Protein backbone atom coordinates (compact mmCIF):
# COMPACT_ATOMS: atom_id res chain seq x y z
CA ASN A 1 -4.08 -12.67 16.27
CA ILE A 2 -1.23 -14.04 14.09
CA VAL A 3 1.87 -11.89 14.44
CA THR A 4 2.58 -9.90 17.74
CA SER A 5 5.48 -7.63 18.02
CA SER A 6 7.37 -5.66 21.15
CA SER A 7 10.01 -4.17 18.82
CA GLY A 8 8.04 -2.08 16.32
CA THR A 9 4.21 -1.77 14.93
CA PRO A 10 3.60 -4.16 12.34
CA ALA A 11 1.56 -2.55 9.23
CA PHE A 12 0.36 -2.46 5.60
CA PRO A 13 0.25 -6.27 5.29
CA SER A 14 -0.19 -7.59 1.92
CA TRP A 15 -1.16 -11.29 0.51
CA ASN A 16 0.77 -12.78 -1.66
CA TYR A 17 -0.74 -14.08 -5.14
CA SER A 18 -1.37 -17.48 -3.88
CA GLY A 19 -3.22 -16.49 -0.48
CA GLY A 20 -0.66 -18.48 1.59
CA SER A 21 1.54 -15.76 2.58
CA ILE A 22 1.52 -12.32 4.20
CA THR A 23 4.62 -9.44 3.63
CA TYR A 24 4.17 -6.46 6.18
CA GLY A 25 5.80 -3.77 7.22
CA LEU A 26 7.52 -3.42 10.95
CA TYR A 27 7.90 0.45 11.92
CA GLY A 28 10.29 1.03 14.86
CA THR A 29 11.94 3.67 16.51
CA THR A 30 15.53 2.82 15.60
CA SER A 31 14.43 -0.31 13.04
CA TRP A 32 12.64 -1.02 10.08
CA ALA A 33 12.29 -3.85 7.96
CA VAL A 34 9.88 -5.66 5.48
CA LYS A 35 8.99 -9.18 6.89
CA ALA A 36 6.94 -11.85 5.79
CA PHE A 37 5.45 -15.01 7.12
CA ASP A 38 3.53 -18.57 5.84
CA VAL A 39 -0.27 -18.92 6.85
CA SER A 40 -2.03 -22.12 6.66
CA VAL A 41 -5.45 -23.12 8.93
CA ASN A 42 -5.23 -26.00 11.80
CA SER A 43 -7.75 -28.82 12.52
CA LYS A 44 -9.81 -26.50 14.21
CA GLY A 45 -10.39 -24.11 11.14
CA VAL A 46 -7.68 -20.94 13.04
CA PRO A 47 -5.37 -19.53 11.05
CA VAL A 48 -1.80 -19.91 12.00
CA ALA A 49 1.71 -18.58 11.07
CA SER A 50 4.72 -20.42 10.34
CA ASN A 51 8.11 -19.61 8.85
CA ALA A 52 8.77 -16.09 9.86
CA ARG A 53 11.35 -14.45 8.02
CA THR A 54 13.17 -10.91 7.57
CA ILE A 55 12.93 -9.82 4.05
CA TYR A 56 14.88 -6.73 4.33
CA SER A 57 15.66 -4.48 7.64
CA LEU A 58 17.02 -0.95 7.76
CA THR A 59 18.80 0.52 11.16
CA SER A 60 19.30 3.78 11.62
CA SER A 61 22.96 3.91 10.79
CA ASP A 62 21.77 2.89 7.08
CA SER A 63 20.03 6.41 7.39
CA THR A 64 17.24 5.71 5.26
CA ARG A 65 13.71 3.85 6.38
CA LEU A 66 11.19 2.42 5.49
CA GLN A 67 8.44 4.87 4.20
CA SER A 68 5.34 2.93 3.30
CA GLY A 69 4.41 -0.68 2.30
CA PRO A 70 4.90 -3.80 1.58
CA ALA A 71 3.00 -4.88 -1.33
CA TRP A 72 3.52 -7.93 -2.81
CA CYS A 73 3.23 -8.58 -6.28
CA ALA A 74 0.09 -10.03 -8.17
CA THR A 75 1.86 -13.13 -9.89
CA SER A 76 4.07 -15.92 -8.85
CA SER A 77 6.07 -15.15 -12.17
CA VAL A 78 7.55 -12.08 -10.76
CA GLY A 79 7.77 -12.82 -7.19
CA GLU A 80 8.57 -9.63 -5.89
CA ILE A 81 7.55 -6.76 -3.45
CA ALA A 82 7.74 -3.35 -3.43
CA PHE A 83 8.21 -0.54 -0.87
CA THR A 84 9.15 3.11 -0.38
CA ARG A 85 12.35 4.15 1.23
CA LEU A 86 13.28 7.67 2.73
CA HIS A 87 16.74 9.03 3.21
CA THR A 88 17.66 10.23 6.07
CA ALA A 89 21.41 11.67 5.44
CA SER A 90 22.10 14.98 5.47
CA ALA A 91 23.59 14.79 1.87
CA GLU A 92 20.42 12.91 0.26
CA TYR A 93 17.84 14.33 2.88
CA GLY A 94 14.67 13.88 1.66
CA ILE A 95 15.21 11.71 -0.87
CA THR A 96 12.35 9.00 -1.30
CA ASP A 97 12.76 5.90 -3.27
CA LEU A 98 10.31 3.09 -5.04
CA CYS A 99 12.15 0.07 -4.20
CA THR A 100 11.53 -3.38 -5.20
CA ILE A 101 13.27 -6.68 -3.84
CA SER A 102 13.01 -10.65 -4.41
CA GLN A 103 10.23 -12.01 -2.22
CA SER A 104 13.24 -14.23 -1.11
CA GLY A 105 15.31 -11.37 -0.27
CA GLY A 106 18.68 -9.70 -0.92
CA THR A 107 19.36 -6.44 -2.62
CA PRO A 108 16.29 -3.87 -3.55
CA THR A 109 16.47 -2.48 -6.80
CA VAL A 110 15.55 1.12 -6.78
CA LEU A 111 12.67 1.86 -9.52
CA ALA A 112 12.47 5.78 -8.92
CA SER A 113 13.52 8.33 -6.90
CA TYR A 114 12.58 11.44 -5.96
CA LYS A 115 13.46 15.03 -3.72
CA LYS A 116 11.62 17.81 -2.50
CA LEU A 117 11.82 19.87 0.58
CA ARG A 118 10.38 22.89 2.14
CA GLY A 119 12.99 24.06 4.71
CA THR A 120 13.42 20.90 6.84
CA VAL A 121 10.21 19.38 5.77
CA CYS A 122 10.35 16.38 3.40
CA LEU A 123 7.81 16.63 0.51
CA GLY A 124 7.45 14.95 -2.50
CA LEU A 125 7.28 11.64 -0.79
CA TYR A 126 5.99 8.00 -2.48
CA GLN A 127 3.70 6.19 -0.43
CA PHE A 128 1.02 3.41 -1.21
CA PRO A 129 2.52 1.30 -3.55
CA THR A 130 0.14 -1.14 -5.36
CA TRP A 131 1.20 -3.06 -8.71
CA SER A 132 -1.20 -3.45 -11.46
CA PRO A 133 -3.31 -6.80 -11.60
CA ASP A 134 -0.70 -8.27 -14.55
CA ASP A 135 2.18 -6.70 -12.76
CA SER A 136 3.46 -4.20 -15.68
CA LYS A 137 3.24 -1.28 -13.49
CA ILE A 138 3.25 0.26 -9.86
CA ALA A 139 1.31 3.15 -8.78
CA ILE A 140 2.43 5.31 -5.92
CA ALA A 141 0.78 8.39 -4.78
CA ARG A 142 3.13 11.22 -4.69
CA GLN A 143 2.81 13.71 -1.67
CA ASP A 144 3.63 17.01 -3.24
CA THR A 145 2.39 19.11 -0.37
CA ASN A 146 0.41 18.25 2.87
CA ASN A 147 -2.99 19.25 0.67
CA HIS A 148 -2.04 17.72 -2.56
CA TYR A 149 -1.13 14.48 -4.11
CA THR A 150 -0.48 13.17 -7.53
CA ILE A 151 -0.66 9.35 -8.62
CA VAL A 152 2.36 8.20 -10.38
CA ILE A 153 2.29 4.87 -12.84
CA PHE A 154 5.81 3.51 -13.19
CA ASN A 155 6.95 0.43 -15.35
CA ALA A 156 7.90 -1.95 -12.91
CA SER A 157 10.78 -3.37 -14.75
CA THR A 158 12.62 -0.12 -15.87
CA GLY A 159 10.89 2.12 -13.75
CA ALA A 160 9.68 4.78 -16.30
CA ALA A 161 7.05 6.89 -15.38
CA GLU A 162 4.30 6.10 -17.32
CA ASP A 163 1.41 8.18 -16.47
CA SER A 164 0.41 11.02 -13.66
CA ILE A 165 -3.25 11.51 -12.19
CA PRO A 166 -2.81 15.41 -10.39
CA LEU A 167 -5.51 14.87 -7.46
CA SER A 168 -7.10 18.32 -6.17
CA GLY A 169 -6.54 17.44 -2.67
CA ALA A 170 -5.12 14.75 0.02
CA ILE A 171 -5.65 11.09 -0.16
CA SER A 172 -4.62 8.43 2.74
CA HIS A 173 -4.69 4.51 1.04
CA MET A 174 -5.11 2.94 -2.49
CA GLU A 175 -4.71 0.20 -3.97
CA TRP A 176 -4.90 -1.36 -7.57
CA SER A 177 -8.13 -3.70 -8.15
CA ARG A 178 -7.65 -7.24 -9.01
CA THR A 179 -7.32 -9.38 -11.93
CA GLY A 180 -10.18 -8.47 -14.63
CA LEU A 181 -10.65 -4.76 -14.12
CA ASN A 182 -8.36 -1.57 -14.01
CA GLU A 183 -9.30 0.60 -11.55
CA LEU A 184 -7.49 2.20 -8.93
CA GLU A 185 -9.13 2.80 -5.43
CA TYR A 186 -8.19 5.47 -3.08
CA SER A 187 -9.89 7.27 -0.06
CA PHE A 188 -9.29 11.04 -0.70
CA PHE A 189 -10.37 13.99 1.41
CA ASN A 190 -12.69 16.40 0.19
CA GLY A 191 -12.77 19.24 2.58
CA SER A 192 -15.48 17.69 4.77
CA GLY A 193 -14.16 13.79 5.03
CA TYR A 194 -12.12 10.99 3.08
CA TYR A 195 -14.26 9.27 0.78
CA ILE A 196 -13.60 6.06 -1.28
CA TYR A 197 -12.72 7.38 -5.44
CA TYR A 198 -11.57 5.28 -8.31
CA VAL A 199 -9.97 5.97 -11.66
CA THR A 200 -8.67 4.16 -14.50
CA PRO A 201 -5.06 4.26 -14.89
CA SER A 202 -4.85 3.92 -18.53
CA THR A 203 -7.13 6.88 -19.61
CA GLY A 204 -6.57 9.14 -16.36
CA SER A 205 -10.48 9.41 -16.43
CA THR A 206 -12.14 11.96 -13.98
CA PRO A 207 -11.75 10.06 -10.41
CA THR A 208 -15.39 8.91 -9.24
CA THR A 209 -17.00 8.47 -6.34
CA ASN A 210 -20.21 6.67 -4.93
CA SER A 211 -20.09 9.34 -1.72
CA VAL A 212 -19.48 6.86 0.80
CA VAL A 213 -17.67 8.14 3.82
CA CYS A 214 -14.71 5.94 4.63
CA GLY A 215 -11.72 5.96 6.67
CA ASN A 216 -8.64 4.33 5.28
CA THR A 217 -7.18 1.56 3.64
CA GLY A 218 -9.97 0.34 1.19
CA THR A 219 -9.28 -2.98 -0.29
CA TRP A 220 -10.86 -4.84 -3.23
CA SER A 221 -12.63 -8.38 -3.08
CA PRO A 222 -10.78 -11.04 -4.80
CA ASN A 223 -13.25 -10.88 -7.67
CA ASN A 224 -13.37 -6.82 -7.47
CA SER A 225 -17.42 -7.31 -6.52
CA GLY A 226 -16.83 -5.23 -3.03
CA ILE A 227 -14.10 -2.97 -1.39
CA MET A 228 -13.20 -3.65 2.24
CA PHE A 229 -12.59 -0.38 4.17
CA THR A 230 -12.76 1.14 7.64
CA PRO A 231 -15.16 4.19 7.79
CA PRO A 232 -14.06 7.23 10.28
CA TYR A 233 -15.71 5.65 13.62
CA SER A 234 -14.00 1.80 14.13
CA ALA A 235 -15.73 -1.02 12.73
CA MET A 236 -15.29 -2.16 9.46
CA GLU A 237 -17.58 -2.06 6.48
CA LYS A 238 -17.79 -3.41 3.12
CA LEU A 239 -19.29 -1.80 0.11
CA VAL A 240 -20.50 -3.17 -3.31
CA SER A 241 -18.30 -1.35 -5.63
CA PHE A 242 -19.77 1.60 -7.82
CA THR A 243 -22.79 1.79 -5.39
CA SER A 244 -23.65 3.06 -1.81
CA SER A 245 -24.92 -0.34 -0.60
CA THR A 246 -22.63 -1.21 2.42
CA THR A 247 -22.66 -3.69 4.84
CA THR A 248 -21.06 -3.66 8.72
CA VAL A 249 -19.02 -6.90 8.97
CA GLY A 250 -16.53 -6.11 12.37
CA SER A 251 -17.53 -4.12 15.18
CA SER A 252 -14.18 -3.45 16.64
CA GLY A 253 -11.38 -0.58 15.07
CA TYR A 254 -9.38 -1.91 12.40
CA GLY A 255 -6.44 -0.69 10.43
CA TYR A 256 -4.22 -1.48 7.67
CA LEU A 257 -6.66 -4.02 5.30
CA ASN A 258 -5.82 -6.33 3.06
CA TRP A 259 -8.31 -8.59 1.22
CA LYS A 260 -6.95 -12.26 0.39
CA ARG A 261 -6.41 -13.04 -2.95
């Protein structure tokens, strides 16, 4: 355990491109923040955290809050973190932004915004931002209704929407593969449970599945040979990609998984 917080829930950890730092979102009741720290291993082989820092913070008075993420980019040349932000002020209520920010902090860049309301309920939310292996694109899951999502692919430099993949139901998490493969993995509810699905963003191919029941937060191994995920009843399992072979690797309950690069 390298981070403990009494002011909110740490969520969505994301390793940086070198595997030497982690960013995460701190979700409180009146404040939200994108935070980061460095990770090293001491002489006893135990990971320790250092250089804890705040990349970006929000309070209720800002009339915006952290919605989903953060996600660290895959290359040092880009050096940015993506997250999504929700507006709560009456004039802008329901607007959700896809933002990027320098890993050293500063003012976020809003790449894209979207608004959809049903009465007083926010729909059209941007969730689960994830970078392409070369950092040229960012994918998000847009919640169109409670039970329908669309994957939208944005140009990471211009914010232009370059592709969209409509889904027939809800998803609970999404991650782009690591270098050497171009696949989006996501947890999809097919009516009876959540299953791991894959889709090639560049072609919008028909999503495929290996019929492995999963819970949430699937994350690719560094060489794309496997995916770690949480099944419905705690524990933690490893899936060999595109097959139905799984191995249990942890017996406790886990969430918000992210495999080190």
